[in-house]
Structures are given as structure tokens and as C-alpha cells.
Amino acid sequence: MGKKWQHTVGFTITELVVVISVITILLGIAIVVYPGAQRQARDSQRKSDLTQVSAALGAYVIQKNNYVGVGSGCGINGNGNGWLSAGPSEIAAYPKSIATCLQEAGVLAAGTFKDPSDCVWVSGGACGTPMGQAQAYMKATCTKAGQAITYVMAHLEGSPRIDATIDALCDANSVSGFDSTTQKWGTNYGMNYYVIAK
């Protein structure tokens, strides 16, 4: 009679410890890397959205001879500035959102054009975001060194604050609906990225 071979199925304790250790290390790496990847994806979306809005404003100026300006009926007090997607359902002083006016003119694709956080405007903790780091898009038409200019702005999560630079985008008191204090887009709202409409 030949020898009988016994074959056991399973892992040794050492093998199990090694596998669990490898899985733990991989999970630890994923936990650290995943939020950063999400943040980068949201910031990429913000940059893309602002590029689209800037192009839409450029097309709008060809049609209407202004960048959704004073008397447009859009934005704060209908004067074309402020939160890009806020309308009367968010803020009574906004008869229509700036994004809606661009869409009605046929220069911006249908969509909400909200920040990827789904925030439309920020005041007193709306969207769960405090003033000073607003995750909602803004638009401002103003003068800089006496020249008319239009900006669309966002808060990028992965970029540092540059309050002094952003605060100085417009000449003091040159933004309809905002005074020299409230037009400090960096200090007051945390905007740290902008595109100039052309």
C-alpha cells in the first residue's frame, strides 16, 4: 500500500496576517488619496464651468452689447452682478439668475451651473458653507484702472487663498449692487480663481 497524502485546505496564520496587513495598507492609502482626487475633480469642473460661462458672456455681448449688465434684469437688483445661479427662489433681490439670462439668450447650454458642491449662494451658512469660503460661482462687471472688465469667479478647494489679489480685481465702488467693502471677493467670499470674459 502506498503512502496516504493529507491535503489541508486553508491558510496558515502567517498567510492570513500578511494578507490582512496588505489590505490594511491599501485601504489606508485609498483613504488618504481618495478625498484629494475628489477635490481635484471638483476643481476641474469649476474651471470648466467658468470657461463655458466666460465664452457665453462673450457671445452675449455680441447680441446685447453688454456682459449681462445694469438693467439686464439678472443678478442682484437686476444689474447683472453677484451669484451666477441665484434667482428669486434663493434671494428676493435677484429677479432672475445670471445663468438663466445667458440660457434665454441661447449662449449657455441648459443646466444649473451650480458649483459641484450644489451650492448656489452663500450667506449665513447657506449650503453649510460659511461666508469667507463660498462654494458658489460669482460674476462681476466693473472697471479696473478705468477700463470695463467682466469676471466670473470660483473658490477652488485645492488652491490657496489670494484675497488681496482677488479683492483688487475691480476699482472701488465700480460694481453695481456692491460697495467697496462687499465687493472684496477674496476676503468676503473666498474666491481664489477667476476668468475674464472676452
C-alpha atoms as a PDB file:
ATOM      1  CA  MET A   1       0.000   0.000   0.000  1.00  0.00           C
ATOM      2  CA  GLY A   2       1.176   3.463  -0.931  1.00  0.00           C
ATOM      3  CA  LYS A   3       1.580   6.442   1.352  1.00  0.00           C
ATOM      4  CA  LYS A   4      -1.527   8.416   2.126  1.00  0.00           C
ATOM      5  CA  TRP A   5      -1.211  12.144   1.453  1.00  0.00           C
ATOM      6  CA  GLN A   6      -3.195  14.505   3.536  1.00  0.00           C
ATOM      7  CA  HIS A   7      -4.141  17.775   1.899  1.00  0.00           C
ATOM      8  CA  THR A   8      -5.480  20.517   4.127  1.00  0.00           C
ATOM      9  CA  VAL A   9      -7.422  23.414   2.689  1.00  0.00           C
ATOM     10  CA  GLY A  10      -6.961  26.874   4.158  1.00  0.00           C
ATOM     11  CA  PHE A  11      -4.372  29.442   5.091  1.00  0.00           C
ATOM     12  CA  THR A  12      -1.837  29.445   7.822  1.00  0.00           C
ATOM     13  CA  ILE A  13      -1.973  32.154  10.468  1.00  0.00           C
ATOM     14  CA  THR A  14       1.103  33.773   8.934  1.00  0.00           C
ATOM     15  CA  GLU A  15      -0.517  33.933   5.495  1.00  0.00           C
ATOM     16  CA  LEU A  16      -3.687  35.462   6.954  1.00  0.00           C
ATOM     17  CA  VAL A  17      -1.695  38.107   8.846  1.00  0.00           C
ATOM     18  CA  VAL A  18       0.208  39.039   5.656  1.00  0.00           C
ATOM     19  CA  VAL A  19      -2.999  39.314   3.590  1.00  0.00           C
ATOM     20  CA  ILE A  20      -4.757  41.406   6.264  1.00  0.00           C
ATOM     21  CA  SER A  21      -1.706  43.663   6.537  1.00  0.00           C
ATOM     22  CA  VAL A  22      -1.589  44.248   2.776  1.00  0.00           C
ATOM     23  CA  ILE A  23      -5.335  45.015   2.664  1.00  0.00           C
ATOM     24  CA  THR A  24      -4.979  47.425   5.598  1.00  0.00           C
ATOM     25  CA  ILE A  25      -2.114  49.264   3.890  1.00  0.00           C
ATOM     26  CA  LEU A  26      -4.065  49.541   0.616  1.00  0.00           C
ATOM     27  CA  LEU A  27      -7.145  50.824   2.447  1.00  0.00           C
ATOM     28  CA  GLY A  28      -5.022  53.362   4.294  1.00  0.00           C
ATOM     29  CA  ILE A  29      -3.593  54.655   1.017  1.00  0.00           C
ATOM     30  CA  ALA A  30      -7.073  54.842  -0.544  1.00  0.00           C
ATOM     31  CA  ILE A  31      -8.454  56.757   2.442  1.00  0.00           C
ATOM     32  CA  VAL A  32      -5.671  59.333   2.108  1.00  0.00           C
ATOM     33  CA  VAL A  33      -5.710  59.633  -1.708  1.00  0.00           C
ATOM     34  CA  TYR A  34      -9.471  59.498  -2.462  1.00  0.00           C
ATOM     35  CA  PRO A  35     -10.517  62.839  -0.908  1.00  0.00           C
ATOM     36  CA  GLY A  36      -7.698  64.598  -2.748  1.00  0.00           C
ATOM     37  CA  ALA A  37      -8.799  63.057  -6.035  1.00  0.00           C
ATOM     38  CA  GLN A  38     -12.386  64.157  -5.382  1.00  0.00           C
ATOM     39  CA  ARG A  39     -11.221  67.688  -4.592  1.00  0.00           C
ATOM     40  CA  GLN A  40      -9.204  67.818  -7.828  1.00  0.00           C
ATOM     41  CA  ALA A  41     -12.197  66.577  -9.834  1.00  0.00           C
ATOM     42  CA  ARG A  42     -14.461  69.263  -8.334  1.00  0.00           C
ATOM     43  CA  ASP A  43     -11.869  71.965  -9.033  1.00  0.00           C
ATOM     44  CA  SER A  44     -11.529  70.765 -12.641  1.00  0.00           C
ATOM     45  CA  GLN A  45     -15.310  71.013 -13.007  1.00  0.00           C
ATOM     46  CA  ARG A  46     -15.249  74.551 -11.599  1.00  0.00           C
ATOM     47  CA  LYS A  47     -12.585  75.627 -14.098  1.00  0.00           C
ATOM     48  CA  SER A  48     -14.532  74.061 -16.966  1.00  0.00           C
ATOM     49  CA  ASP A  49     -17.770  75.742 -15.875  1.00  0.00           C
ATOM     50  CA  LEU A  50     -16.121  79.170 -15.680  1.00  0.00           C
ATOM     51  CA  THR A  51     -14.616  78.716 -19.139  1.00  0.00           C
ATOM     52  CA  GLN A  52     -18.085  77.929 -20.518  1.00  0.00           C
ATOM     53  CA  VAL A  53     -19.675  80.893 -18.754  1.00  0.00           C
ATOM     54  CA  SER A  54     -16.900  83.218 -19.948  1.00  0.00           C
ATOM     55  CA  ALA A  55     -17.481  82.094 -23.552  1.00  0.00           C
ATOM     56  CA  ALA A  56     -21.242  82.559 -23.077  1.00  0.00           C
ATOM     57  CA  LEU A  57     -20.694  86.107 -21.818  1.00  0.00           C
ATOM     58  CA  GLY A  58     -18.557  86.792 -24.898  1.00  0.00           C
ATOM     59  CA  ALA A  59     -21.410  85.611 -27.138  1.00  0.00           C
ATOM     60  CA  TYR A  60     -23.938  87.584 -25.083  1.00  0.00           C
ATOM     61  CA  VAL A  61     -22.030  90.838 -25.545  1.00  0.00           C
ATOM     62  CA  ILE A  62     -22.223  90.380 -29.326  1.00  0.00           C
ATOM     63  CA  GLN A  63     -26.021  90.084 -29.078  1.00  0.00           C
ATOM     64  CA  LYS A  64     -26.776  92.647 -26.390  1.00  0.00           C
ATOM     65  CA  ASN A  65     -23.710  94.909 -26.373  1.00  0.00           C
ATOM     66  CA  ASN A  66     -23.084  94.247 -22.648  1.00  0.00           C
ATOM     67  CA  TYR A  67     -21.921  91.420 -20.391  1.00  0.00           C
ATOM     68  CA  VAL A  68     -25.309  90.965 -18.669  1.00  0.00           C
ATOM     69  CA  GLY A  69     -25.039  94.433 -17.238  1.00  0.00           C
ATOM     70  CA  VAL A  70     -27.025  97.122 -15.473  1.00  0.00           C
ATOM     71  CA  GLY A  71     -30.710  96.915 -16.359  1.00  0.00           C
ATOM     72  CA  SER A  72     -30.455  93.335 -17.671  1.00  0.00           C
ATOM     73  CA  GLY A  73     -32.947  92.072 -15.106  1.00  0.00           C
ATOM     74  CA  CYS A  74     -30.446  89.435 -13.965  1.00  0.00           C
ATOM     75  CA  GLY A  75     -28.366  89.144 -10.800  1.00  0.00           C
ATOM     76  CA  ILE A  76     -28.651  91.365  -7.756  1.00  0.00           C
ATOM     77  CA  ASN A  77     -31.261  94.094  -8.261  1.00  0.00           C
ATOM     78  CA  GLY A  78     -31.361  93.116 -11.945  1.00  0.00           C
ATOM     79  CA  ASN A  79     -27.971  94.718 -12.558  1.00  0.00           C
ATOM     80  CA  GLY A  80     -26.031  91.674 -13.722  1.00  0.00           C
ATOM     81  CA  ASN A  81     -23.654  91.043 -10.798  1.00  0.00           C
ATOM     82  CA  GLY A  82     -23.463  88.624  -7.888  1.00  0.00           C
ATOM     83  CA  TRP A  83     -24.083  84.892  -7.569  1.00  0.00           C
ATOM     84  CA  LEU A  84     -24.195  83.302 -11.018  1.00  0.00           C
ATOM     85  CA  SER A  85     -27.078  80.890 -10.420  1.00  0.00           C
ATOM     86  CA  ALA A  86     -29.083  82.585  -7.665  1.00  0.00           C
ATOM     87  CA  GLY A  87     -32.583  83.645  -8.573  1.00  0.00           C
ATOM     88  CA  PRO A  88     -35.679  84.859  -6.747  1.00  0.00           C
ATOM     89  CA  SER A  89     -36.244  81.484  -5.087  1.00  0.00           C
ATOM     90  CA  GLU A  90     -32.879  81.917  -3.315  1.00  0.00           C
ATOM     91  CA  ILE A  91     -32.656  85.713  -2.906  1.00  0.00           C
ATOM     92  CA  ALA A  92     -35.576  88.123  -3.379  1.00  0.00           C
ATOM     93  CA  ALA A  93     -33.248  90.839  -4.722  1.00  0.00           C
ATOM     94  CA  TYR A  94     -32.382  88.599  -7.720  1.00  0.00           C
ATOM     95  CA  PRO A  95     -35.293  88.892 -10.213  1.00  0.00           C
ATOM     96  CA  LYS A  96     -33.596  86.294 -12.437  1.00  0.00           C
ATOM     97  CA  SER A  97     -30.314  84.411 -12.270  1.00  0.00           C
ATOM     98  CA  ILE A  98     -27.423  85.455 -14.490  1.00  0.00           C
ATOM     99  CA  ALA A  99     -27.171  81.876 -15.780  1.00  0.00           C
ATOM    100  CA  THR A 100     -30.863  81.942 -16.756  1.00  0.00           C
ATOM    101  CA  CYS A 101     -30.364  85.163 -18.743  1.00  0.00           C
ATOM    102  CA  LEU A 102     -27.453  83.583 -20.617  1.00  0.00           C
ATOM    103  CA  GLN A 103     -29.526  80.477 -21.319  1.00  0.00           C
ATOM    104  CA  GLU A 104     -32.516  82.529 -22.519  1.00  0.00           C
ATOM    105  CA  ALA A 105     -30.192  84.352 -24.932  1.00  0.00           C
ATOM    106  CA  GLY A 106     -29.166  80.935 -26.288  1.00  0.00           C
ATOM    107  CA  VAL A 107     -25.485  81.374 -25.426  1.00  0.00           C
ATOM    108  CA  LEU A 108     -25.234  78.939 -22.497  1.00  0.00           C
ATOM    109  CA  ALA A 109     -26.360  75.327 -22.524  1.00  0.00           C
ATOM    110  CA  ALA A 110     -29.244  74.373 -20.290  1.00  0.00           C
ATOM    111  CA  GLY A 111     -28.167  73.327 -16.822  1.00  0.00           C
ATOM    112  CA  THR A 112     -27.946  74.714 -13.358  1.00  0.00           C
ATOM    113  CA  PHE A 113     -24.338  75.899 -13.441  1.00  0.00           C
ATOM    114  CA  LYS A 114     -24.075  75.323  -9.746  1.00  0.00           C
ATOM    115  CA  ASP A 115     -20.768  74.733  -8.057  1.00  0.00           C
ATOM    116  CA  PRO A 116     -20.064  70.947  -7.811  1.00  0.00           C
ATOM    117  CA  SER A 117     -20.957  71.226  -4.123  1.00  0.00           C
ATOM    118  CA  ASP A 118     -24.522  72.096  -5.340  1.00  0.00           C
ATOM    119  CA  CYS A 119     -24.220  75.496  -3.696  1.00  0.00           C
ATOM    120  CA  VAL A 120     -25.897  78.420  -5.464  1.00  0.00           C
ATOM    121  CA  TRP A 121     -25.235  81.223  -2.995  1.00  0.00           C
ATOM    122  CA  VAL A 122     -23.746  81.592   0.446  1.00  0.00           C
ATOM    123  CA  SER A 123     -24.953  83.771   3.269  1.00  0.00           C
ATOM    124  CA  GLY A 124     -25.005  82.954   6.947  1.00  0.00           C
ATOM    125  CA  GLY A 125     -24.202  79.299   6.421  1.00  0.00           C
ATOM    126  CA  ALA A 126     -26.414  78.551   3.411  1.00  0.00           C
ATOM    127  CA  CYS A 127     -25.097  75.357   1.760  1.00  0.00           C
ATOM    128  CA  GLY A 128     -23.370  74.580   5.042  1.00  0.00           C
ATOM    129  CA  THR A 129     -20.519  76.812   3.937  1.00  0.00           C
ATOM    130  CA  PRO A 130     -19.560  79.877   5.968  1.00  0.00           C
ATOM    131  CA  MET A 131     -19.002  83.237   4.341  1.00  0.00           C
ATOM    132  CA  GLY A 132     -15.337  83.573   3.555  1.00  0.00           C
ATOM    133  CA  GLN A 133     -15.120  80.264   1.688  1.00  0.00           C
ATOM    134  CA  ALA A 134     -18.147  80.313  -0.552  1.00  0.00           C
ATOM    135  CA  GLN A 135     -18.503  77.365  -2.888  1.00  0.00           C
ATOM    136  CA  ALA A 136     -20.732  79.081  -5.430  1.00  0.00           C
ATOM    137  CA  TYR A 137     -19.914  80.934  -8.638  1.00  0.00           C
ATOM    138  CA  MET A 138     -19.891  84.721  -8.855  1.00  0.00           C
ATOM    139  CA  LYS A 139     -19.889  87.267 -11.687  1.00  0.00           C
ATOM    140  CA  ALA A 140     -18.793  90.891 -11.565  1.00  0.00           C
ATOM    141  CA  THR A 141     -18.741  93.557 -14.250  1.00  0.00           C
ATOM    142  CA  CYS A 142     -16.745  96.563 -13.113  1.00  0.00           C
ATOM    143  CA  THR A 143     -13.876  98.836 -14.017  1.00  0.00           C
ATOM    144  CA  LYS A 144     -10.191  98.190 -13.401  1.00  0.00           C
ATOM    145  CA  ALA A 145      -7.914 101.191 -13.866  1.00  0.00           C
ATOM    146  CA  GLY A 146     -10.889 102.867 -15.533  1.00  0.00           C
ATOM    147  CA  GLN A 147     -11.405 100.087 -18.119  1.00  0.00           C
ATOM    148  CA  ALA A 148     -14.589  97.979 -18.208  1.00  0.00           C
ATOM    149  CA  ILE A 149     -13.986  94.306 -17.378  1.00  0.00           C
ATOM    150  CA  THR A 150     -16.095  91.262 -16.503  1.00  0.00           C
ATOM    151  CA  TYR A 151     -15.010  88.371 -14.288  1.00  0.00           C
ATOM    152  CA  VAL A 152     -16.501  85.022 -13.349  1.00  0.00           C
ATOM    153  CA  MET A 153     -15.085  83.586 -10.130  1.00  0.00           C
ATOM    154  CA  ALA A 154     -14.973  80.396  -8.093  1.00  0.00           C
ATOM    155  CA  HIS A 155     -13.472  79.012  -4.910  1.00  0.00           C
ATOM    156  CA  LEU A 156     -11.025  76.188  -5.718  1.00  0.00           C
ATOM    157  CA  GLU A 157     -10.655  73.832  -2.782  1.00  0.00           C
ATOM    158  CA  GLY A 158      -7.131  72.778  -3.716  1.00  0.00           C
ATOM    159  CA  SER A 159      -5.728  76.285  -4.170  1.00  0.00           C
ATOM    160  CA  PRO A 160      -4.563  78.770  -1.539  1.00  0.00           C
ATOM    161  CA  ARG A 161      -6.430  81.952  -0.785  1.00  0.00           C
ATOM    162  CA  ILE A 162      -5.212  85.035  -2.624  1.00  0.00           C
ATOM    163  CA  ASP A 163      -7.519  87.563  -1.003  1.00  0.00           C
ATOM    164  CA  ALA A 164      -5.511  90.716  -1.778  1.00  0.00           C
ATOM    165  CA  THR A 165      -5.284  89.836  -5.482  1.00  0.00           C
ATOM    166  CA  ILE A 166      -8.965  88.952  -5.795  1.00  0.00           C
ATOM    167  CA  ASP A 167     -10.090  91.948  -3.714  1.00  0.00           C
ATOM    168  CA  ALA A 168      -8.232  94.232  -6.135  1.00  0.00           C
ATOM    169  CA  LEU A 169      -9.875  92.896  -9.324  1.00  0.00           C
ATOM    170  CA  CYS A 170     -12.235  95.887  -9.509  1.00  0.00           C
ATOM    171  CA  ASP A 171     -11.876  99.594  -8.805  1.00  0.00           C
ATOM    172  CA  ALA A 172     -13.595 100.553  -5.538  1.00  0.00           C
ATOM    173  CA  ASN A 173     -17.354 101.114  -5.859  1.00  0.00           C
ATOM    174  CA  SER A 174     -17.394 100.095  -9.531  1.00  0.00           C
ATOM    175  CA  VAL A 175     -19.621  97.004  -9.178  1.00  0.00           C
ATOM    176  CA  SER A 176     -23.344  97.707  -9.375  1.00  0.00           C
ATOM    177  CA  GLY A 177     -25.034  96.391  -6.220  1.00  0.00           C
ATOM    178  CA  PHE A 178     -21.783  96.177  -4.226  1.00  0.00           C
ATOM    179  CA  ASP A 179     -19.856  98.813  -2.316  1.00  0.00           C
ATOM    180  CA  SER A 180     -16.093  98.865  -1.811  1.00  0.00           C
ATOM    181  CA  THR A 181     -16.398  96.559   1.216  1.00  0.00           C
ATOM    182  CA  THR A 182     -18.827  93.979  -0.149  1.00  0.00           C
ATOM    183  CA  GLN A 183     -17.004  93.701  -3.493  1.00  0.00           C
ATOM    184  CA  LYS A 184     -13.999  92.127  -1.770  1.00  0.00           C
ATOM    185  CA  TRP A 185     -14.495  88.777  -3.487  1.00  0.00           C
ATOM    186  CA  GLY A 186     -11.468  87.171  -1.817  1.00  0.00           C
ATOM    187  CA  THR A 187     -11.876  88.333   1.775  1.00  0.00           C
ATOM    188  CA  ASN A 188     -15.667  88.058   1.923  1.00  0.00           C
ATOM    189  CA  TYR A 189     -16.338  85.041  -0.268  1.00  0.00           C
ATOM    190  CA  GLY A 190     -13.058  83.118  -0.582  1.00  0.00           C
ATOM    191  CA  MET A 191     -12.894  83.394  -4.373  1.00  0.00           C
ATOM    192  CA  ASN A 192      -9.408  82.354  -5.469  1.00  0.00           C
ATOM    193  CA  TYR A 193      -9.833  81.655  -9.184  1.00  0.00           C
ATOM    194  CA  TYR A 194     -11.230  83.836 -11.933  1.00  0.00           C
ATOM    195  CA  VAL A 195     -11.675  84.014 -15.690  1.00  0.00           C
ATOM    196  CA  ILE A 196     -12.020  87.249 -17.652  1.00  0.00           C
ATOM    197  CA  ALA A 197     -14.928  87.293 -20.095  1.00  0.00           C
ATOM    198  CA  LYS A 198     -13.869  88.217 -23.621  1.00  0.00           C
END
